[in-house]
Amino acid sequence: QVQLVESGGGLVQPGGSLSVSCAASGSIFVINAMGWYRQAPGKQRELVATITRGGDTNYADSVKGRFTISRDNAKNTVYLRMNSLKPEDTAVYYCNARLRRYSYIDVESTYWGQGTQVTVSS
């Protein structure tokens, strides 16, 4: 089995900063990409940021320049640093990992964390 466990999140005032992290554990051979998605009430889940094993990153236009994604391959952990937060950043943030579980099976699977709430409000 594979588990993604998020931590961090919470309530922050507009303009503030917050960090979330996500650790993957279980039977994992290699994690090719990790990322963060978010879902606000009444809206579809949307991409926030992704990062490859090599460190290439991709951001949604709405968070560019404010959010930074990073990862520690040795710890199978991905981080999201969120600065200059806005009320519209309020959502449940989900961690995502695209990985191979075994070296002898060339199959990639996608896993999701349970989500962590980020609320930006005064």
C-alpha atoms as a PDB file:
ATOM      1  CA  GLN A   1       0.000   0.000   0.000  1.00  0.00           C
ATOM      2  CA  VAL A   2       0.961   3.617  -0.473  1.00  0.00           C
ATOM      3  CA  GLN A   3      -0.056   6.462   1.798  1.00  0.00           C
ATOM      4  CA  LEU A   4       0.251  10.199   1.354  1.00  0.00           C
ATOM      5  CA  VAL A   5      -0.050  12.103   4.609  1.00  0.00           C
ATOM      6  CA  GLU A   6      -0.379  15.874   4.556  1.00  0.00           C
ATOM      7  CA  SER A   7       0.441  18.204   7.407  1.00  0.00           C
ATOM      8  CA  GLY A   8       0.263  21.913   7.947  1.00  0.00           C
ATOM      9  CA  GLY A   9      -2.529  24.107   6.778  1.00  0.00           C
ATOM     10  CA  GLY A  10      -4.860  26.065   9.001  1.00  0.00           C
ATOM     11  CA  LEU A  11      -6.123  29.605   9.315  1.00  0.00           C
ATOM     12  CA  VAL A  12      -4.081  32.615   8.207  1.00  0.00           C
ATOM     13  CA  GLN A  13      -4.832  36.270   7.601  1.00  0.00           C
ATOM     14  CA  PRO A  14      -4.703  37.767   4.125  1.00  0.00           C
ATOM     15  CA  GLY A  15      -1.143  38.597   3.197  1.00  0.00           C
ATOM     16  CA  GLY A  16       0.189  35.948   5.510  1.00  0.00           C
ATOM     17  CA  SER A  17       2.201  32.818   4.853  1.00  0.00           C
ATOM     18  CA  LEU A  18       1.661  29.142   5.430  1.00  0.00           C
ATOM     19  CA  SER A  19       3.403  25.893   4.596  1.00  0.00           C
ATOM     20  CA  VAL A  20       2.045  22.442   3.964  1.00  0.00           C
ATOM     21  CA  SER A  21       3.934  19.209   3.485  1.00  0.00           C
ATOM     22  CA  CYS A  22       3.125  15.733   2.298  1.00  0.00           C
ATOM     23  CA  ALA A  23       5.039  12.549   2.991  1.00  0.00           C
ATOM     24  CA  ALA A  24       4.591   9.409   0.933  1.00  0.00           C
ATOM     25  CA  SER A  25       5.183   6.039   2.499  1.00  0.00           C
ATOM     26  CA  GLY A  26       4.691   2.376   1.736  1.00  0.00           C
ATOM     27  CA  SER A  27       5.835   0.178  -1.077  1.00  0.00           C
ATOM     28  CA  ILE A  28       7.470   2.738  -3.378  1.00  0.00           C
ATOM     29  CA  PHE A  29      10.219   2.237  -5.941  1.00  0.00           C
ATOM     30  CA  VAL A  30      10.369   5.766  -7.304  1.00  0.00           C
ATOM     31  CA  ILE A  31       8.191   8.859  -7.252  1.00  0.00           C
ATOM     32  CA  ASN A  32       8.332  10.550 -10.628  1.00  0.00           C
ATOM     33  CA  ALA A  33       6.257  13.612  -9.864  1.00  0.00           C
ATOM     34  CA  MET A  34       4.540  15.165  -6.905  1.00  0.00           C
ATOM     35  CA  GLY A  35       2.153  18.027  -6.717  1.00  0.00           C
ATOM     36  CA  TRP A  36      -0.490  20.015  -4.973  1.00  0.00           C
ATOM     37  CA  TYR A  37      -4.064  20.537  -6.058  1.00  0.00           C
ATOM     38  CA  ARG A  38      -6.844  22.426  -4.335  1.00  0.00           C
ATOM     39  CA  GLN A  39     -10.598  22.416  -4.247  1.00  0.00           C
ATOM     40  CA  ALA A  40     -12.695  25.297  -3.023  1.00  0.00           C
ATOM     41  CA  PRO A  41     -16.351  24.848  -2.035  1.00  0.00           C
ATOM     42  CA  GLY A  42     -18.525  24.511  -5.109  1.00  0.00           C
ATOM     43  CA  LYS A  43     -15.559  24.401  -7.467  1.00  0.00           C
ATOM     44  CA  GLN A  44     -13.628  21.711  -9.264  1.00  0.00           C
ATOM     45  CA  ARG A  45     -10.262  20.523  -8.071  1.00  0.00           C
ATOM     46  CA  GLU A  46      -7.499  22.500  -9.750  1.00  0.00           C
ATOM     47  CA  LEU A  47      -3.763  22.223 -10.114  1.00  0.00           C
ATOM     48  CA  VAL A  48      -1.655  24.423  -7.861  1.00  0.00           C
ATOM     49  CA  ALA A  49       1.885  23.249  -8.537  1.00  0.00           C
ATOM     50  CA  THR A  50       3.844  20.185  -9.559  1.00  0.00           C
ATOM     51  CA  ILE A  51       7.473  19.150  -9.343  1.00  0.00           C
ATOM     52  CA  THR A  52       9.340  16.350 -11.070  1.00  0.00           C
ATOM     53  CA  ARG A  53      11.958  14.153  -9.511  1.00  0.00           C
ATOM     54  CA  GLY A  54      14.570  16.280 -11.223  1.00  0.00           C
ATOM     55  CA  GLY A  55      13.142  19.467  -9.780  1.00  0.00           C
ATOM     56  CA  ASP A  56      11.282  20.898 -12.744  1.00  0.00           C
ATOM     57  CA  THR A  57       8.291  22.872 -11.509  1.00  0.00           C
ATOM     58  CA  ASN A  58       4.986  24.017 -12.902  1.00  0.00           C
ATOM     59  CA  TYR A  59       2.599  26.511 -11.303  1.00  0.00           C
ATOM     60  CA  ALA A  60      -0.920  27.683 -11.859  1.00  0.00           C
ATOM     61  CA  ASP A  61      -0.941  31.275 -13.062  1.00  0.00           C
ATOM     62  CA  SER A  62      -2.916  32.291  -9.984  1.00  0.00           C
ATOM     63  CA  VAL A  63      -0.107  31.314  -7.612  1.00  0.00           C
ATOM     64  CA  LYS A  64       3.013  32.137  -9.624  1.00  0.00           C
ATOM     65  CA  GLY A  65       5.374  34.332  -7.670  1.00  0.00           C
ATOM     66  CA  ARG A  66       3.576  33.614  -4.392  1.00  0.00           C
ATOM     67  CA  PHE A  67       3.824  29.850  -3.913  1.00  0.00           C
ATOM     68  CA  THR A  68       6.934  27.679  -4.005  1.00  0.00           C
ATOM     69  CA  ILE A  69       6.915  23.911  -4.362  1.00  0.00           C
ATOM     70  CA  SER A  70       9.898  21.801  -3.368  1.00  0.00           C
ATOM     71  CA  ARG A  71      10.625  18.196  -2.586  1.00  0.00           C
ATOM     72  CA  ASP A  72      13.029  15.961  -0.720  1.00  0.00           C
ATOM     73  CA  ASN A  73      13.480  12.816  -2.769  1.00  0.00           C
ATOM     74  CA  ALA A  74      15.227  10.979   0.054  1.00  0.00           C
ATOM     75  CA  LYS A  75      12.202  11.544   2.296  1.00  0.00           C
ATOM     76  CA  ASN A  76       9.559  11.137  -0.420  1.00  0.00           C
ATOM     77  CA  THR A  77       8.189  14.448   0.748  1.00  0.00           C
ATOM     78  CA  VAL A  78       6.822  17.454  -1.092  1.00  0.00           C
ATOM     79  CA  TYR A  79       6.402  20.922   0.365  1.00  0.00           C
ATOM     80  CA  LEU A  80       4.366  23.954  -0.572  1.00  0.00           C
ATOM     81  CA  ARG A  81       5.284  27.348   0.778  1.00  0.00           C
ATOM     82  CA  MET A  82       2.470  29.848   0.335  1.00  0.00           C
ATOM     83  CA  ASN A  83       3.172  33.570   0.664  1.00  0.00           C
ATOM     84  CA  SER A  84       0.985  36.626   0.189  1.00  0.00           C
ATOM     85  CA  LEU A  85      -2.101  34.523   0.713  1.00  0.00           C
ATOM     86  CA  LYS A  86      -5.444  35.787  -0.516  1.00  0.00           C
ATOM     87  CA  PRO A  87      -8.974  34.836   0.524  1.00  0.00           C
ATOM     88  CA  GLU A  88      -9.397  33.150  -2.860  1.00  0.00           C
ATOM     89  CA  ASP A  89      -6.633  30.713  -1.888  1.00  0.00           C
ATOM     90  CA  THR A  90      -9.011  29.211   0.655  1.00  0.00           C
ATOM     91  CA  ALA A  91      -9.527  25.559  -0.215  1.00  0.00           C
ATOM     92  CA  VAL A  92      -8.752  22.004   0.714  1.00  0.00           C
ATOM     93  CA  TYR A  93      -5.254  21.291  -0.544  1.00  0.00           C
ATOM     94  CA  TYR A  94      -4.537  17.790  -1.798  1.00  0.00           C
ATOM     95  CA  CYS A  95      -1.170  16.163  -2.281  1.00  0.00           C
ATOM     96  CA  ASN A  96      -0.624  14.033  -5.372  1.00  0.00           C
ATOM     97  CA  ALA A  97       2.117  11.591  -6.311  1.00  0.00           C
ATOM     98  CA  ARG A  98       2.756   9.776  -9.562  1.00  0.00           C
ATOM     99  CA  LEU A  99       4.942   6.796  -8.799  1.00  0.00           C
ATOM    100  CA  ARG A 100       6.129   3.297  -9.557  1.00  0.00           C
ATOM    101  CA  ARG A 101       5.743   0.790  -6.765  1.00  0.00           C
ATOM    102  CA  TYR A 102       8.134  -1.852  -8.061  1.00  0.00           C
ATOM    103  CA  SER A 103      11.348  -1.825 -10.103  1.00  0.00           C
ATOM    104  CA  TYR A 104      10.314  -4.887 -12.066  1.00  0.00           C
ATOM    105  CA  ILE A 105       6.909  -3.558 -13.097  1.00  0.00           C
ATOM    106  CA  ASP A 106       6.930  -0.556 -15.408  1.00  0.00           C
ATOM    107  CA  VAL A 107       3.562   0.740 -14.326  1.00  0.00           C
ATOM    108  CA  GLU A 108       2.903   4.203 -12.957  1.00  0.00           C
ATOM    109  CA  SER A 109       0.074   4.920 -10.559  1.00  0.00           C
ATOM    110  CA  THR A 110      -1.339   8.090  -9.052  1.00  0.00           C
ATOM    111  CA  TYR A 111      -2.111   8.510  -5.381  1.00  0.00           C
ATOM    112  CA  TRP A 112      -3.811  11.259  -3.416  1.00  0.00           C
ATOM    113  CA  GLY A 113      -3.615  12.482   0.142  1.00  0.00           C
ATOM    114  CA  GLN A 114      -6.664  13.052   2.308  1.00  0.00           C
ATOM    115  CA  GLY A 115      -6.480  16.836   2.013  1.00  0.00           C
ATOM    116  CA  THR A 116      -5.715  19.646   4.416  1.00  0.00           C
ATOM    117  CA  GLN A 117      -7.765  22.788   4.882  1.00  0.00           C
ATOM    118  CA  VAL A 118      -6.236  26.185   4.217  1.00  0.00           C
ATOM    119  CA  THR A 119      -8.382  29.153   5.168  1.00  0.00           C
ATOM    120  CA  VAL A 120      -7.383  32.735   4.434  1.00  0.00           C
ATOM    121  CA  SER A 121      -9.546  35.131   6.374  1.00  0.00           C
ATOM    122  CA  SER A 122      -9.328  38.128   8.637  1.00  0.00           C
END
